[in-house]
């Protein structure tokens, strides 16, 4: 039996980590339906693939959740696509279409977001921005320092 809790990746966008409560992928085809007057059959014309979208409910939970929420909001509002890492689908370049932040009065240290990410495909989607690289390097140094501190 697979140990899902230990095999799923930690989610992040532009190096800002978060937890995923719910993930929904919308994908399909763009179709033109040709219905003729008096006809009984519809002619279906395929017009290529529709733009996929990931609808996520994500959350931050810690004593610093308010500060982490500001960092995540800034990352999502930054220009252009950023590197999105998802627990199952892995990494991809994506642009945030929209998000909504929520906080409950009795859930201190917990901030959630509903976010729509649009994956970036093609030649323009393959490059990382300077901010993505800097965030990833900083996150890597912080994780390495924490592991190093455990040794001593």
C-alpha atoms as a PDB file:
ATOM      1  CA  UNK A   1       0.000   0.000   0.000  1.00  0.00           C
ATOM      2  CA  UNK A   2       1.307   3.454  -0.913  1.00  0.00           C
ATOM      3  CA  UNK A   3       2.182   5.897   1.854  1.00  0.00           C
ATOM      4  CA  UNK A   4       0.556   9.003   0.350  1.00  0.00           C
ATOM      5  CA  UNK A   5       1.488  11.312   3.222  1.00  0.00           C
ATOM      6  CA  UNK A   6       5.197  10.682   2.617  1.00  0.00           C
ATOM      7  CA  UNK A   7       5.166  10.606  -1.205  1.00  0.00           C
ATOM      8  CA  UNK A   8       3.348  13.851  -2.004  1.00  0.00           C
ATOM      9  CA  UNK A   9       5.529  16.872  -2.788  1.00  0.00           C
ATOM     10  CA  UNK A  10       5.278  20.090  -0.769  1.00  0.00           C
ATOM     11  CA  UNK A  11       3.440  22.700  -2.829  1.00  0.00           C
ATOM     12  CA  UNK A  12       4.870  26.136  -3.617  1.00  0.00           C
ATOM     13  CA  UNK A  13       4.589  29.075  -5.972  1.00  0.00           C
ATOM     14  CA  UNK A  14       7.654  31.195  -6.747  1.00  0.00           C
ATOM     15  CA  UNK A  15       9.389  29.499  -3.812  1.00  0.00           C
ATOM     16  CA  UNK A  16       6.651  30.337  -1.246  1.00  0.00           C
ATOM     17  CA  UNK A  17       5.478  27.050   0.286  1.00  0.00           C
ATOM     18  CA  UNK A  18       1.895  26.177   1.245  1.00  0.00           C
ATOM     19  CA  UNK A  19      -0.331  23.178   1.944  1.00  0.00           C
ATOM     20  CA  UNK A  20      -3.005  21.978  -0.504  1.00  0.00           C
ATOM     21  CA  UNK A  21      -6.460  21.197   0.864  1.00  0.00           C
ATOM     22  CA  UNK A  22      -8.160  20.640  -2.492  1.00  0.00           C
ATOM     23  CA  UNK A  23      -6.944  20.502  -6.088  1.00  0.00           C
ATOM     24  CA  UNK A  24      -9.137  20.556  -9.189  1.00  0.00           C
ATOM     25  CA  UNK A  25      -7.879  20.398 -12.797  1.00  0.00           C
ATOM     26  CA  UNK A  26     -10.211  21.627 -15.542  1.00  0.00           C
ATOM     27  CA  UNK A  27      -9.188  20.629 -19.056  1.00  0.00           C
ATOM     28  CA  UNK A  28     -10.820  19.612 -22.308  1.00  0.00           C
ATOM     29  CA  UNK A  29     -11.334  20.607 -25.916  1.00  0.00           C
ATOM     30  CA  UNK A  30     -12.687  23.717 -27.586  1.00  0.00           C
ATOM     31  CA  UNK A  31     -15.554  22.637 -29.784  1.00  0.00           C
ATOM     32  CA  UNK A  32     -17.756  24.302 -32.385  1.00  0.00           C
ATOM     33  CA  UNK A  33     -21.191  22.720 -32.550  1.00  0.00           C
ATOM     34  CA  UNK A  34     -22.854  23.142 -35.947  1.00  0.00           C
ATOM     35  CA  UNK A  35     -26.594  22.686 -35.609  1.00  0.00           C
ATOM     36  CA  UNK A  36     -28.576  23.023 -38.825  1.00  0.00           C
ATOM     37  CA  UNK A  37     -32.211  24.088 -38.972  1.00  0.00           C
ATOM     38  CA  UNK A  38     -34.433  21.060 -39.417  1.00  0.00           C
ATOM     39  CA  UNK A  39     -31.486  18.730 -38.906  1.00  0.00           C
ATOM     40  CA  UNK A  40     -31.291  15.909 -36.414  1.00  0.00           C
ATOM     41  CA  UNK A  41     -27.533  15.644 -36.168  1.00  0.00           C
ATOM     42  CA  UNK A  42     -24.984  18.072 -34.818  1.00  0.00           C
ATOM     43  CA  UNK A  43     -21.626  18.310 -36.552  1.00  0.00           C
ATOM     44  CA  UNK A  44     -18.855  18.649 -33.970  1.00  0.00           C
ATOM     45  CA  UNK A  45     -15.717  20.493 -35.026  1.00  0.00           C
ATOM     46  CA  UNK A  46     -12.679  20.266 -32.746  1.00  0.00           C
ATOM     47  CA  UNK A  47     -10.852  23.600 -32.432  1.00  0.00           C
ATOM     48  CA  UNK A  48      -7.797  22.463 -30.413  1.00  0.00           C
ATOM     49  CA  UNK A  49      -7.440  22.011 -26.684  1.00  0.00           C
ATOM     50  CA  UNK A  50      -9.078  24.341 -24.188  1.00  0.00           C
ATOM     51  CA  UNK A  51      -6.839  26.220 -21.772  1.00  0.00           C
ATOM     52  CA  UNK A  52      -6.395  24.087 -18.647  1.00  0.00           C
ATOM     53  CA  UNK A  53      -6.853  25.606 -15.191  1.00  0.00           C
ATOM     54  CA  UNK A  54      -5.965  24.405 -11.707  1.00  0.00           C
ATOM     55  CA  UNK A  55      -8.417  25.467  -9.012  1.00  0.00           C
ATOM     56  CA  UNK A  56      -6.737  25.069  -5.625  1.00  0.00           C
ATOM     57  CA  UNK A  57      -7.777  25.579  -2.041  1.00  0.00           C
ATOM     58  CA  UNK A  58      -4.506  26.122  -0.220  1.00  0.00           C
ATOM     59  CA  UNK A  59      -3.579  27.121   3.314  1.00  0.00           C
ATOM     60  CA  UNK A  60      -0.825  28.350   5.574  1.00  0.00           C
ATOM     61  CA  UNK A  61      -0.741  27.308   9.203  1.00  0.00           C
ATOM     62  CA  UNK A  62       1.860  28.624  11.647  1.00  0.00           C
ATOM     63  CA  UNK A  63       2.557  31.435  14.077  1.00  0.00           C
ATOM     64  CA  UNK A  64       3.752  33.417  11.039  1.00  0.00           C
ATOM     65  CA  UNK A  65       0.755  32.641   8.793  1.00  0.00           C
ATOM     66  CA  UNK A  66      -0.110  36.343   8.441  1.00  0.00           C
ATOM     67  CA  UNK A  67       3.388  37.175   7.167  1.00  0.00           C
ATOM     68  CA  UNK A  68       3.480  34.064   4.966  1.00  0.00           C
ATOM     69  CA  UNK A  69       0.087  35.088   3.512  1.00  0.00           C
ATOM     70  CA  UNK A  70       1.515  38.489   2.553  1.00  0.00           C
ATOM     71  CA  UNK A  71       4.503  36.818   0.873  1.00  0.00           C
ATOM     72  CA  UNK A  72       2.225  34.424  -1.012  1.00  0.00           C
ATOM     73  CA  UNK A  73      -0.060  37.280  -2.099  1.00  0.00           C
ATOM     74  CA  UNK A  74       2.948  39.231  -3.391  1.00  0.00           C
ATOM     75  CA  UNK A  75       4.202  36.164  -5.292  1.00  0.00           C
ATOM     76  CA  UNK A  76       0.791  35.645  -6.882  1.00  0.00           C
ATOM     77  CA  UNK A  77       0.524  39.328  -7.922  1.00  0.00           C
ATOM     78  CA  UNK A  78       4.027  39.484  -9.431  1.00  0.00           C
ATOM     79  CA  UNK A  79       4.257  39.989 -13.191  1.00  0.00           C
ATOM     80  CA  UNK A  80       4.399  37.001 -15.516  1.00  0.00           C
ATOM     81  CA  UNK A  81       4.372  33.284 -14.843  1.00  0.00           C
ATOM     82  CA  UNK A  82       6.141  31.700 -11.888  1.00  0.00           C
ATOM     83  CA  UNK A  83       7.199  28.183 -10.967  1.00  0.00           C
ATOM     84  CA  UNK A  84       4.300  26.216  -9.439  1.00  0.00           C
ATOM     85  CA  UNK A  85       4.983  22.934  -7.639  1.00  0.00           C
ATOM     86  CA  UNK A  86       1.958  20.714  -6.971  1.00  0.00           C
ATOM     87  CA  UNK A  87       1.830  17.579  -4.802  1.00  0.00           C
ATOM     88  CA  UNK A  88       0.833  15.175  -7.602  1.00  0.00           C
ATOM     89  CA  UNK A  89       1.396  16.938 -10.939  1.00  0.00           C
ATOM     90  CA  UNK A  90       4.850  18.239 -10.071  1.00  0.00           C
ATOM     91  CA  UNK A  91       6.378  21.485 -11.317  1.00  0.00           C
ATOM     92  CA  UNK A  92       5.296  23.783 -14.110  1.00  0.00           C
ATOM     93  CA  UNK A  93       5.311  27.421 -15.075  1.00  0.00           C
ATOM     94  CA  UNK A  94       1.925  29.001 -14.311  1.00  0.00           C
ATOM     95  CA  UNK A  95       0.206  32.357 -14.003  1.00  0.00           C
ATOM     96  CA  UNK A  96      -2.282  33.202 -11.264  1.00  0.00           C
ATOM     97  CA  UNK A  97      -5.599  34.207 -12.792  1.00  0.00           C
ATOM     98  CA  UNK A  98      -7.266  35.125  -9.514  1.00  0.00           C
ATOM     99  CA  UNK A  99      -7.260  34.362  -5.806  1.00  0.00           C
ATOM    100  CA  UNK A 100      -9.346  34.938  -2.702  1.00  0.00           C
ATOM    101  CA  UNK A 101      -7.822  34.975   0.803  1.00  0.00           C
ATOM    102  CA  UNK A 102      -9.866  33.858   3.827  1.00  0.00           C
ATOM    103  CA  UNK A 103      -9.345  33.890   7.584  1.00  0.00           C
ATOM    104  CA  UNK A 104     -11.707  32.778  10.352  1.00  0.00           C
ATOM    105  CA  UNK A 105     -11.912  34.542  13.713  1.00  0.00           C
ATOM    106  CA  UNK A 106     -11.460  31.311  15.691  1.00  0.00           C
ATOM    107  CA  UNK A 107      -8.716  29.839  13.521  1.00  0.00           C
ATOM    108  CA  UNK A 108      -5.653  31.761  14.663  1.00  0.00           C
ATOM    109  CA  UNK A 109      -2.502  31.048  12.664  1.00  0.00           C
ATOM    110  CA  UNK A 110      -4.537  29.674   9.724  1.00  0.00           C
ATOM    111  CA  UNK A 111      -5.003  31.528   6.424  1.00  0.00           C
ATOM    112  CA  UNK A 112      -6.514  29.935   3.344  1.00  0.00           C
ATOM    113  CA  UNK A 113      -6.677  30.911  -0.323  1.00  0.00           C
ATOM    114  CA  UNK A 114      -8.782  29.809  -3.268  1.00  0.00           C
ATOM    115  CA  UNK A 115      -6.535  30.239  -6.312  1.00  0.00           C
ATOM    116  CA  UNK A 116      -6.823  29.631 -10.050  1.00  0.00           C
ATOM    117  CA  UNK A 117      -3.525  28.849 -11.791  1.00  0.00           C
ATOM    118  CA  UNK A 118      -3.226  28.770 -15.582  1.00  0.00           C
ATOM    119  CA  UNK A 119      -0.294  26.606 -16.761  1.00  0.00           C
ATOM    120  CA  UNK A 120       2.066  28.239 -19.263  1.00  0.00           C
ATOM    121  CA  UNK A 121       2.985  26.104 -22.235  1.00  0.00           C
ATOM    122  CA  UNK A 122       5.201  26.751 -25.220  1.00  0.00           C
ATOM    123  CA  UNK A 123       8.557  28.444 -25.632  1.00  0.00           C
ATOM    124  CA  UNK A 124       7.728  31.380 -23.334  1.00  0.00           C
ATOM    125  CA  UNK A 125       6.776  29.126 -20.440  1.00  0.00           C
ATOM    126  CA  UNK A 126      10.074  27.337 -20.101  1.00  0.00           C
ATOM    127  CA  UNK A 127      12.141  30.098 -18.493  1.00  0.00           C
ATOM    128  CA  UNK A 128      12.354  30.893 -14.798  1.00  0.00           C
ATOM    129  CA  UNK A 129      12.345  34.498 -13.677  1.00  0.00           C
ATOM    130  CA  UNK A 130      15.136  35.949 -11.525  1.00  0.00           C
ATOM    131  CA  UNK A 131      12.640  36.097  -8.629  1.00  0.00           C
ATOM    132  CA  UNK A 132      11.855  32.378  -8.974  1.00  0.00           C
ATOM    133  CA  UNK A 133      15.535  31.442  -8.926  1.00  0.00           C
ATOM    134  CA  UNK A 134      16.286  33.764  -5.984  1.00  0.00           C
ATOM    135  CA  UNK A 135      13.300  32.411  -4.005  1.00  0.00           C
ATOM    136  CA  UNK A 136      14.261  28.805  -4.701  1.00  0.00           C
ATOM    137  CA  UNK A 137      17.893  29.416  -3.721  1.00  0.00           C
ATOM    138  CA  UNK A 138      16.874  31.254  -0.526  1.00  0.00           C
ATOM    139  CA  UNK A 139      14.453  28.455   0.398  1.00  0.00           C
ATOM    140  CA  UNK A 140      17.200  25.907  -0.275  1.00  0.00           C
ATOM    141  CA  UNK A 141      19.700  27.754   1.924  1.00  0.00           C
ATOM    142  CA  UNK A 142      17.150  28.045   4.731  1.00  0.00           C
ATOM    143  CA  UNK A 143      16.366  24.320   4.574  1.00  0.00           C
ATOM    144  CA  UNK A 144      20.075  23.432   4.444  1.00  0.00           C
ATOM    145  CA  UNK A 145      20.819  25.690   7.434  1.00  0.00           C
ATOM    146  CA  UNK A 146      18.010  24.070   9.435  1.00  0.00           C
ATOM    147  CA  UNK A 147      19.366  20.593   8.650  1.00  0.00           C
ATOM    148  CA  UNK A 148      22.913  21.677   9.472  1.00  0.00           C
ATOM    149  CA  UNK A 149      21.762  23.159  12.809  1.00  0.00           C
ATOM    150  CA  UNK A 150      20.283  19.766  13.788  1.00  0.00           C
ATOM    151  CA  UNK A 151      23.757  18.228  13.554  1.00  0.00           C
ATOM    152  CA  UNK A 152      25.244  20.506  16.207  1.00  0.00           C
END
